[in-house]
């Protein structure tokens, strides 16, 4: 991709990890550097235990209703523009073109989404395997959504506005303000705003709004109301 991710990663890897939090106030450092990660570890571990049986059921349903793997794996870019492998339950057929969700109209989406996948995406249950990404420290519950290579513009904006200095999340400010309906410039602005003002109260607000967005099934694709 055109973005010079390799040089960016080399530059970041030469710095100490603690530099991510340089310049933060004591309260912000305590939350972002300690509390947030503690919440992520406890929360993801607990949810993986409580949801183990439902996740096994989902995996079996995916396997018996459509050919292909149970999990969808894709390289994404997170904090410091470093790549990692994001995992989700597969909701699309194996011949689906690799494009971002917003590039699919609702009618086109129906051609590629599986019967089980339709339910998983409506309820966001396809995101459950990302609890492993959180437990491994690659993601957080709340943060900018991790970007794929197709998100080149937003990756570049992250590097300019500092949004790549914070861990990506399952849900974030952009997801509760339009999800797949907003354009790349708006997404980059929301991500930068979150990185600048990340706090416990903001994360709690986003978490509550995320639940409402899932219940209302808003912003899933271009034709969502």
C-alpha atoms as a PDB file:
ATOM      1  CA  UNK A   1       0.000   0.000   0.000  1.00  0.00           C
ATOM      2  CA  UNK A   2       1.067   3.564  -0.585  1.00  0.00           C
ATOM      3  CA  UNK A   3       1.239   4.431   3.102  1.00  0.00           C
ATOM      4  CA  UNK A   4       4.779   3.968   4.398  1.00  0.00           C
ATOM      5  CA  UNK A   5       3.742   1.656   7.211  1.00  0.00           C
ATOM      6  CA  UNK A   6       7.072  -0.161   7.369  1.00  0.00           C
ATOM      7  CA  UNK A   7       9.109   2.956   8.086  1.00  0.00           C
ATOM      8  CA  UNK A   8       6.436   4.104  10.532  1.00  0.00           C
ATOM      9  CA  UNK A   9       6.651   0.833  12.443  1.00  0.00           C
ATOM     10  CA  UNK A  10      10.444   0.924  12.501  1.00  0.00           C
ATOM     11  CA  UNK A  11      10.363   4.422  13.921  1.00  0.00           C
ATOM     12  CA  UNK A  12       7.851   3.498  16.599  1.00  0.00           C
ATOM     13  CA  UNK A  13       9.623   0.279  17.592  1.00  0.00           C
ATOM     14  CA  UNK A  14      12.749   2.262  18.381  1.00  0.00           C
ATOM     15  CA  UNK A  15      10.890   4.094  21.150  1.00  0.00           C
ATOM     16  CA  UNK A  16      10.003   2.838  24.612  1.00  0.00           C
ATOM     17  CA  UNK A  17       6.422   1.586  25.037  1.00  0.00           C
ATOM     18  CA  UNK A  18       5.825   4.101  27.809  1.00  0.00           C
ATOM     19  CA  UNK A  19       6.334   6.937  25.322  1.00  0.00           C
ATOM     20  CA  UNK A  20       2.782   6.312  24.124  1.00  0.00           C
ATOM     21  CA  UNK A  21       1.595   7.927  27.334  1.00  0.00           C
ATOM     22  CA  UNK A  22       4.079  10.811  27.495  1.00  0.00           C
ATOM     23  CA  UNK A  23       2.403  14.168  27.923  1.00  0.00           C
ATOM     24  CA  UNK A  24      -0.697  12.756  29.601  1.00  0.00           C
ATOM     25  CA  UNK A  25      -1.892  14.111  32.919  1.00  0.00           C
ATOM     26  CA  UNK A  26      -1.630  11.857  35.953  1.00  0.00           C
ATOM     27  CA  UNK A  27      -5.307  10.933  35.782  1.00  0.00           C
ATOM     28  CA  UNK A  28      -5.209  10.223  32.032  1.00  0.00           C
ATOM     29  CA  UNK A  29      -2.034   8.162  32.398  1.00  0.00           C
ATOM     30  CA  UNK A  30      -3.545   6.101  35.213  1.00  0.00           C
ATOM     31  CA  UNK A  31      -6.661   5.353  33.188  1.00  0.00           C
ATOM     32  CA  UNK A  32      -5.118   4.781  29.756  1.00  0.00           C
ATOM     33  CA  UNK A  33      -1.949   3.123  30.985  1.00  0.00           C
ATOM     34  CA  UNK A  34      -3.274   0.982  33.831  1.00  0.00           C
ATOM     35  CA  UNK A  35      -7.040   0.913  34.443  1.00  0.00           C
ATOM     36  CA  UNK A  36      -8.119   0.478  30.827  1.00  0.00           C
ATOM     37  CA  UNK A  37      -5.843  -2.524  30.301  1.00  0.00           C
ATOM     38  CA  UNK A  38      -6.939  -4.033  33.612  1.00  0.00           C
ATOM     39  CA  UNK A  39     -10.588  -3.709  32.600  1.00  0.00           C
ATOM     40  CA  UNK A  40      -9.780  -5.263  29.222  1.00  0.00           C
ATOM     41  CA  UNK A  41      -8.048  -8.295  30.726  1.00  0.00           C
ATOM     42  CA  UNK A  42     -10.704  -8.987  33.362  1.00  0.00           C
ATOM     43  CA  UNK A  43     -13.592  -8.263  31.009  1.00  0.00           C
ATOM     44  CA  UNK A  44     -12.366 -10.308  28.044  1.00  0.00           C
ATOM     45  CA  UNK A  45     -11.326 -13.274  30.198  1.00  0.00           C
ATOM     46  CA  UNK A  46     -14.670 -13.302  32.011  1.00  0.00           C
ATOM     47  CA  UNK A  47     -16.686 -12.993  28.802  1.00  0.00           C
ATOM     48  CA  UNK A  48     -14.721 -15.756  27.080  1.00  0.00           C
ATOM     49  CA  UNK A  49     -15.636 -18.087  29.933  1.00  0.00           C
ATOM     50  CA  UNK A  50     -19.296 -17.038  30.117  1.00  0.00           C
ATOM     51  CA  UNK A  51     -19.761 -17.085  26.336  1.00  0.00           C
ATOM     52  CA  UNK A  52     -17.768 -20.243  25.597  1.00  0.00           C
ATOM     53  CA  UNK A  53     -20.823 -22.407  24.943  1.00  0.00           C
ATOM     54  CA  UNK A  54     -22.667 -19.854  22.754  1.00  0.00           C
ATOM     55  CA  UNK A  55     -19.461 -19.304  20.757  1.00  0.00           C
ATOM     56  CA  UNK A  56     -19.122 -23.053  20.188  1.00  0.00           C
ATOM     57  CA  UNK A  57     -22.750 -23.196  19.005  1.00  0.00           C
ATOM     58  CA  UNK A  58     -22.126 -20.294  16.604  1.00  0.00           C
ATOM     59  CA  UNK A  59     -18.995 -22.013  15.277  1.00  0.00           C
ATOM     60  CA  UNK A  60     -20.920 -25.232  14.604  1.00  0.00           C
ATOM     61  CA  UNK A  61     -23.737 -23.356  12.836  1.00  0.00           C
ATOM     62  CA  UNK A  62     -21.261 -21.564  10.579  1.00  0.00           C
ATOM     63  CA  UNK A  63     -19.506 -24.813   9.727  1.00  0.00           C
ATOM     64  CA  UNK A  64     -22.630 -26.802   8.849  1.00  0.00           C
ATOM     65  CA  UNK A  65     -24.403 -24.071   6.863  1.00  0.00           C
ATOM     66  CA  UNK A  66     -21.666 -22.833   4.517  1.00  0.00           C
ATOM     67  CA  UNK A  67     -18.330 -24.050   3.138  1.00  0.00           C
ATOM     68  CA  UNK A  68     -15.200 -22.372   4.465  1.00  0.00           C
ATOM     69  CA  UNK A  69     -13.504 -21.689   7.788  1.00  0.00           C
ATOM     70  CA  UNK A  70     -15.371 -20.748  10.953  1.00  0.00           C
ATOM     71  CA  UNK A  71     -13.196 -17.711  11.597  1.00  0.00           C
ATOM     72  CA  UNK A  72     -12.454 -14.760   9.349  1.00  0.00           C
ATOM     73  CA  UNK A  73      -8.900 -13.520   9.809  1.00  0.00           C
ATOM     74  CA  UNK A  74      -7.543 -10.288   8.389  1.00  0.00           C
ATOM     75  CA  UNK A  75      -4.465  -8.143   8.881  1.00  0.00           C
ATOM     76  CA  UNK A  76      -5.414  -4.890  10.557  1.00  0.00           C
ATOM     77  CA  UNK A  77      -3.369  -1.931  11.751  1.00  0.00           C
ATOM     78  CA  UNK A  78      -3.600  -0.764  15.338  1.00  0.00           C
ATOM     79  CA  UNK A  79      -1.546   1.326  17.746  1.00  0.00           C
ATOM     80  CA  UNK A  80       1.641   2.739  16.182  1.00  0.00           C
ATOM     81  CA  UNK A  81       0.329   1.437  12.824  1.00  0.00           C
ATOM     82  CA  UNK A  82       1.533  -2.046  13.780  1.00  0.00           C
ATOM     83  CA  UNK A  83      -0.193  -4.953  12.018  1.00  0.00           C
ATOM     84  CA  UNK A  84      -1.965  -7.745  13.852  1.00  0.00           C
ATOM     85  CA  UNK A  85      -4.410 -10.490  12.897  1.00  0.00           C
ATOM     86  CA  UNK A  86      -7.999  -9.576  13.721  1.00  0.00           C
ATOM     87  CA  UNK A  87     -10.389 -12.514  14.137  1.00  0.00           C
ATOM     88  CA  UNK A  88     -14.156 -12.602  13.703  1.00  0.00           C
ATOM     89  CA  UNK A  89     -16.757 -15.239  13.045  1.00  0.00           C
ATOM     90  CA  UNK A  90     -17.063 -15.583   9.272  1.00  0.00           C
ATOM     91  CA  UNK A  91     -20.311 -14.016   8.073  1.00  0.00           C
ATOM     92  CA  UNK A  92     -19.604 -13.839   4.340  1.00  0.00           C
ATOM     93  CA  UNK A  93     -19.179 -16.462   1.632  1.00  0.00           C
ATOM     94  CA  UNK A  94     -15.609 -17.439   0.771  1.00  0.00           C
ATOM     95  CA  UNK A  95     -15.794 -15.808  -2.697  1.00  0.00           C
ATOM     96  CA  UNK A  96     -16.686 -12.359  -1.312  1.00  0.00           C
ATOM     97  CA  UNK A  97     -14.593  -9.463  -2.757  1.00  0.00           C
ATOM     98  CA  UNK A  98     -12.309  -7.879  -0.170  1.00  0.00           C
ATOM     99  CA  UNK A  99     -13.910  -4.468   0.297  1.00  0.00           C
ATOM    100  CA  UNK A 100     -14.949  -2.373   3.274  1.00  0.00           C
ATOM    101  CA  UNK A 101     -18.541  -2.717   4.499  1.00  0.00           C
ATOM    102  CA  UNK A 102     -19.533   0.735   3.334  1.00  0.00           C
ATOM    103  CA  UNK A 103     -18.688  -0.230  -0.258  1.00  0.00           C
ATOM    104  CA  UNK A 104     -21.466  -2.815  -0.253  1.00  0.00           C
ATOM    105  CA  UNK A 105     -25.046  -1.749  -0.887  1.00  0.00           C
ATOM    106  CA  UNK A 106     -27.680  -3.738   0.972  1.00  0.00           C
ATOM    107  CA  UNK A 107     -28.678  -5.596  -2.201  1.00  0.00           C
ATOM    108  CA  UNK A 108     -25.080  -6.477  -3.010  1.00  0.00           C
ATOM    109  CA  UNK A 109     -24.455  -7.571   0.555  1.00  0.00           C
ATOM    110  CA  UNK A 110     -27.261 -10.118   0.302  1.00  0.00           C
ATOM    111  CA  UNK A 111     -25.416 -11.864  -2.531  1.00  0.00           C
ATOM    112  CA  UNK A 112     -22.422 -12.640  -0.341  1.00  0.00           C
ATOM    113  CA  UNK A 113     -23.615 -12.856   3.244  1.00  0.00           C
ATOM    114  CA  UNK A 114     -24.427 -16.288   4.647  1.00  0.00           C
ATOM    115  CA  UNK A 115     -27.718 -17.160   6.348  1.00  0.00           C
ATOM    116  CA  UNK A 116     -26.027 -17.416   9.735  1.00  0.00           C
ATOM    117  CA  UNK A 117     -23.849 -14.409   8.951  1.00  0.00           C
ATOM    118  CA  UNK A 118     -26.911 -12.230   8.467  1.00  0.00           C
ATOM    119  CA  UNK A 119     -27.929 -12.848  12.082  1.00  0.00           C
ATOM    120  CA  UNK A 120     -24.365 -12.517  13.369  1.00  0.00           C
ATOM    121  CA  UNK A 121     -23.874  -9.131  11.736  1.00  0.00           C
ATOM    122  CA  UNK A 122     -27.271  -7.810  12.840  1.00  0.00           C
ATOM    123  CA  UNK A 123     -26.474  -8.684  16.441  1.00  0.00           C
ATOM    124  CA  UNK A 124     -22.705  -8.018  16.220  1.00  0.00           C
ATOM    125  CA  UNK A 125     -22.075 -11.558  17.475  1.00  0.00           C
ATOM    126  CA  UNK A 126     -19.504 -11.947  14.706  1.00  0.00           C
ATOM    127  CA  UNK A 127     -17.258  -9.684  16.801  1.00  0.00           C
ATOM    128  CA  UNK A 128     -17.047 -12.092  19.765  1.00  0.00           C
ATOM    129  CA  UNK A 129     -13.717 -13.732  18.768  1.00  0.00           C
ATOM    130  CA  UNK A 130     -12.108 -10.306  19.118  1.00  0.00           C
ATOM    131  CA  UNK A 131     -12.226 -10.950  22.853  1.00  0.00           C
ATOM    132  CA  UNK A 132      -9.054 -12.947  22.145  1.00  0.00           C
ATOM    133  CA  UNK A 133      -7.518  -9.895  20.445  1.00  0.00           C
ATOM    134  CA  UNK A 134      -8.320  -7.901  23.584  1.00  0.00           C
ATOM    135  CA  UNK A 135      -6.890 -10.537  25.915  1.00  0.00           C
ATOM    136  CA  UNK A 136      -3.687 -10.629  23.849  1.00  0.00           C
ATOM    137  CA  UNK A 137      -3.339  -6.854  24.176  1.00  0.00           C
ATOM    138  CA  UNK A 138      -3.879  -6.059  20.491  1.00  0.00           C
ATOM    139  CA  UNK A 139      -7.215  -4.349  21.050  1.00  0.00           C
ATOM    140  CA  UNK A 140      -9.410  -2.811  23.727  1.00  0.00           C
ATOM    141  CA  UNK A 141     -13.169  -2.886  24.245  1.00  0.00           C
ATOM    142  CA  UNK A 142     -13.384   0.794  23.278  1.00  0.00           C
ATOM    143  CA  UNK A 143     -11.153   2.609  20.786  1.00  0.00           C
ATOM    144  CA  UNK A 144     -10.889   3.451  17.086  1.00  0.00           C
ATOM    145  CA  UNK A 145     -11.812   0.464  14.926  1.00  0.00           C
ATOM    146  CA  UNK A 146      -8.632  -1.259  13.654  1.00  0.00           C
ATOM    147  CA  UNK A 147      -7.983  -0.463  10.019  1.00  0.00           C
ATOM    148  CA  UNK A 148      -7.446  -2.717   6.998  1.00  0.00           C
ATOM    149  CA  UNK A 149      -5.270  -1.981   3.963  1.00  0.00           C
ATOM    150  CA  UNK A 150      -8.392  -0.723   2.178  1.00  0.00           C
ATOM    151  CA  UNK A 151      -8.524   2.095   4.765  1.00  0.00           C
ATOM    152  CA  UNK A 152      -5.356   3.744   3.463  1.00  0.00           C
ATOM    153  CA  UNK A 153      -6.671   7.291   3.781  1.00  0.00           C
ATOM    154  CA  UNK A 154      -7.720   6.859   7.413  1.00  0.00           C
ATOM    155  CA  UNK A 155      -4.407   5.182   8.273  1.00  0.00           C
ATOM    156  CA  UNK A 156      -2.592   8.231   6.925  1.00  0.00           C
ATOM    157  CA  UNK A 157      -4.850  10.555   8.899  1.00  0.00           C
ATOM    158  CA  UNK A 158      -4.278   8.507  12.060  1.00  0.00           C
ATOM    159  CA  UNK A 159      -0.546   9.020  11.712  1.00  0.00           C
ATOM    160  CA  UNK A 160      -1.072  12.770  11.296  1.00  0.00           C
ATOM    161  CA  UNK A 161      -3.616  13.363  14.058  1.00  0.00           C
ATOM    162  CA  UNK A 162      -2.248  10.952  16.674  1.00  0.00           C
ATOM    163  CA  UNK A 163      -5.127   8.472  16.606  1.00  0.00           C
ATOM    164  CA  UNK A 164      -2.641   5.641  15.991  1.00  0.00           C
ATOM    165  CA  UNK A 165      -1.158   6.298  19.438  1.00  0.00           C
ATOM    166  CA  UNK A 166      -4.088   4.581  21.129  1.00  0.00           C
ATOM    167  CA  UNK A 167      -5.163   0.933  21.067  1.00  0.00           C
ATOM    168  CA  UNK A 168      -8.013   0.105  18.637  1.00  0.00           C
ATOM    169  CA  UNK A 169     -11.315  -1.210  19.955  1.00  0.00           C
ATOM    170  CA  UNK A 170     -14.314  -3.380  19.170  1.00  0.00           C
ATOM    171  CA  UNK A 171     -16.443  -0.237  19.298  1.00  0.00           C
ATOM    172  CA  UNK A 172     -15.561   3.425  19.277  1.00  0.00           C
ATOM    173  CA  UNK A 173     -16.703   6.995  18.828  1.00  0.00           C
ATOM    174  CA  UNK A 174     -17.120   6.621  15.065  1.00  0.00           C
ATOM    175  CA  UNK A 175     -19.172   3.443  15.489  1.00  0.00           C
ATOM    176  CA  UNK A 176     -21.760   5.175  17.681  1.00  0.00           C
ATOM    177  CA  UNK A 177     -21.917   8.167  15.341  1.00  0.00           C
ATOM    178  CA  UNK A 178     -22.779   6.520  12.051  1.00  0.00           C
ATOM    179  CA  UNK A 179     -20.806   3.272  11.900  1.00  0.00           C
ATOM    180  CA  UNK A 180     -20.532   2.373   8.188  1.00  0.00           C
ATOM    181  CA  UNK A 181     -22.557   5.396   7.058  1.00  0.00           C
ATOM    182  CA  UNK A 182     -19.903   8.042   7.707  1.00  0.00           C
ATOM    183  CA  UNK A 183     -17.138   8.868   5.243  1.00  0.00           C
ATOM    184  CA  UNK A 184     -13.403   8.430   5.823  1.00  0.00           C
ATOM    185  CA  UNK A 185     -12.796  12.061   6.787  1.00  0.00           C
ATOM    186  CA  UNK A 186     -15.495  11.935   9.448  1.00  0.00           C
ATOM    187  CA  UNK A 187     -14.153   8.648  10.777  1.00  0.00           C
ATOM    188  CA  UNK A 188     -10.633  10.076  11.044  1.00  0.00           C
ATOM    189  CA  UNK A 189     -11.983  13.106  12.906  1.00  0.00           C
ATOM    190  CA  UNK A 190     -13.916  10.959  15.391  1.00  0.00           C
ATOM    191  CA  UNK A 191     -10.858   8.755  15.947  1.00  0.00           C
ATOM    192  CA  UNK A 192      -8.672  11.797  16.600  1.00  0.00           C
ATOM    193  CA  UNK A 193     -11.256  13.218  19.015  1.00  0.00           C
ATOM    194  CA  UNK A 194     -11.348   9.947  20.931  1.00  0.00           C
ATOM    195  CA  UNK A 195      -7.555   9.706  21.135  1.00  0.00           C
ATOM    196  CA  UNK A 196      -7.374  13.248  22.495  1.00  0.00           C
ATOM    197  CA  UNK A 197     -10.145  12.922  25.073  1.00  0.00           C
ATOM    198  CA  UNK A 198     -10.048   9.234  26.032  1.00  0.00           C
ATOM    199  CA  UNK A 199     -11.330   8.811  29.596  1.00  0.00           C
ATOM    200  CA  UNK A 200     -13.397   6.461  31.724  1.00  0.00           C
ATOM    201  CA  UNK A 201     -16.544   8.568  31.299  1.00  0.00           C
ATOM    202  CA  UNK A 202     -16.104   8.695  27.522  1.00  0.00           C
ATOM    203  CA  UNK A 203     -15.557   4.942  27.310  1.00  0.00           C
ATOM    204  CA  UNK A 204     -18.615   4.284  29.474  1.00  0.00           C
ATOM    205  CA  UNK A 205     -20.715   6.580  27.297  1.00  0.00           C
ATOM    206  CA  UNK A 206     -19.528   4.849  24.112  1.00  0.00           C
ATOM    207  CA  UNK A 207     -20.182   1.421  25.636  1.00  0.00           C
ATOM    208  CA  UNK A 208     -23.781   2.324  26.479  1.00  0.00           C
ATOM    209  CA  UNK A 209     -24.359   3.883  23.055  1.00  0.00           C
ATOM    210  CA  UNK A 210     -22.820   0.808  21.390  1.00  0.00           C
ATOM    211  CA  UNK A 211     -25.413  -1.425  23.026  1.00  0.00           C
ATOM    212  CA  UNK A 212     -28.181   0.873  21.779  1.00  0.00           C
ATOM    213  CA  UNK A 213     -26.731   0.917  18.246  1.00  0.00           C
ATOM    214  CA  UNK A 214     -26.700  -2.898  18.178  1.00  0.00           C
ATOM    215  CA  UNK A 215     -30.269  -3.088  19.510  1.00  0.00           C
ATOM    216  CA  UNK A 216     -31.476  -0.527  16.958  1.00  0.00           C
ATOM    217  CA  UNK A 217     -29.329  -2.164  14.232  1.00  0.00           C
ATOM    218  CA  UNK A 218     -28.160   1.230  12.989  1.00  0.00           C
ATOM    219  CA  UNK A 219     -25.416   1.969  10.475  1.00  0.00           C
ATOM    220  CA  UNK A 220     -24.776  -1.616   9.344  1.00  0.00           C
ATOM    221  CA  UNK A 221     -24.651  -0.655   5.672  1.00  0.00           C
ATOM    222  CA  UNK A 222     -25.565   2.158   3.301  1.00  0.00           C
ATOM    223  CA  UNK A 223     -29.223   1.281   3.248  1.00  0.00           C
ATOM    224  CA  UNK A 224     -29.611   1.149   7.022  1.00  0.00           C
ATOM    225  CA  UNK A 225     -32.110   3.553   8.546  1.00  0.00           C
END
